[in-house]
Amino acid sequence: METPTFDRLDGLSLGATILLLVFAYVVYPDPLVKFTAWLIILTIYMTWFCYFGVKWLYDVYL
């Protein structure tokens, strides 16, 4: 079983993570904003991890 190819949702999750980090550390560097950004990034990561795992294990492309 080989690793599935990356698609637009993979890129979207990576782009959203980068944008959140830039906003939290460059645009508005407040501790509450940083904490909130990291919680949202954790949510994005866990959702992406489940999506990628389903693609890999079941060979399903949504």
Protein backbone atom coordinates (compact mmCIF):
# COMPACT_ATOMS: atom_id res chain seq x y z
CA MET A 1 0.00 0.00 0.00
CA GLU A 2 1.57 3.27 -1.11
CA THR A 3 1.16 6.77 0.25
CA PRO A 4 -1.71 8.67 -1.42
CA THR A 5 -0.95 11.76 -3.43
CA PHE A 6 -1.53 15.18 -1.97
CA ASP A 7 -4.62 17.02 -3.12
CA ARG A 8 -6.23 20.43 -2.66
CA LEU A 9 -7.41 19.75 0.90
CA ASP A 10 -3.86 18.94 1.96
CA GLY A 11 -2.68 22.23 0.52
CA LEU A 12 -5.60 24.08 2.08
CA SER A 13 -4.76 22.78 5.55
CA LEU A 14 -1.11 23.71 5.14
CA GLY A 15 -2.00 27.17 3.82
CA ALA A 16 -4.46 27.83 6.64
CA THR A 17 -1.84 26.81 9.19
CA ILE A 18 0.76 29.15 7.71
CA LEU A 19 -1.73 32.03 7.57
CA LEU A 20 -2.73 31.50 11.19
CA LEU A 21 0.89 31.50 12.32
CA VAL A 22 1.68 34.66 10.36
CA PHE A 23 -1.37 36.39 11.82
CA ALA A 24 -0.61 35.28 15.38
CA TYR A 25 3.13 36.07 15.38
CA VAL A 26 3.48 38.97 12.91
CA VAL A 27 0.19 40.82 12.49
CA TYR A 28 -1.28 40.67 16.02
CA PRO A 29 1.23 39.14 18.47
CA ASP A 30 -0.93 38.89 21.59
CA PRO A 31 -0.66 35.84 23.90
CA LEU A 32 -4.39 35.12 23.65
CA VAL A 33 -4.27 35.26 19.85
CA LYS A 34 -1.25 32.94 19.79
CA PHE A 35 -2.99 30.44 22.07
CA THR A 36 -6.17 30.54 20.00
CA ALA A 37 -4.21 30.12 16.78
CA TRP A 38 -2.48 27.03 18.16
CA LEU A 39 -5.81 25.52 19.22
CA ILE A 40 -7.21 26.07 15.73
CA ILE A 41 -4.03 24.59 14.20
CA LEU A 42 -4.40 21.53 16.43
CA THR A 43 -7.98 21.12 15.21
CA ILE A 44 -6.89 21.48 11.58
CA TYR A 45 -4.10 18.95 12.11
CA MET A 46 -6.36 16.34 13.74
CA THR A 47 -8.98 16.72 11.02
CA TRP A 48 -6.34 16.45 8.29
CA PHE A 49 -4.77 13.41 10.00
CA CYS A 50 -8.12 11.56 9.99
CA TYR A 51 -8.80 12.55 6.37
CA PHE A 52 -5.33 11.44 5.21
CA GLY A 53 -5.61 8.19 7.17
CA VAL A 54 -8.92 7.33 5.53
CA LYS A 55 -7.43 8.06 2.09
CA TRP A 56 -4.43 5.88 2.87
CA LEU A 57 -6.13 2.91 4.50
CA TYR A 58 -9.27 2.67 2.40
CA ASP A 59 -8.02 4.19 -0.86
CA VAL A 60 -11.00 6.57 -0.89
CA TYR A 61 -10.68 10.02 -2.36
CA LEU A 62 -13.39 12.36 -1.16
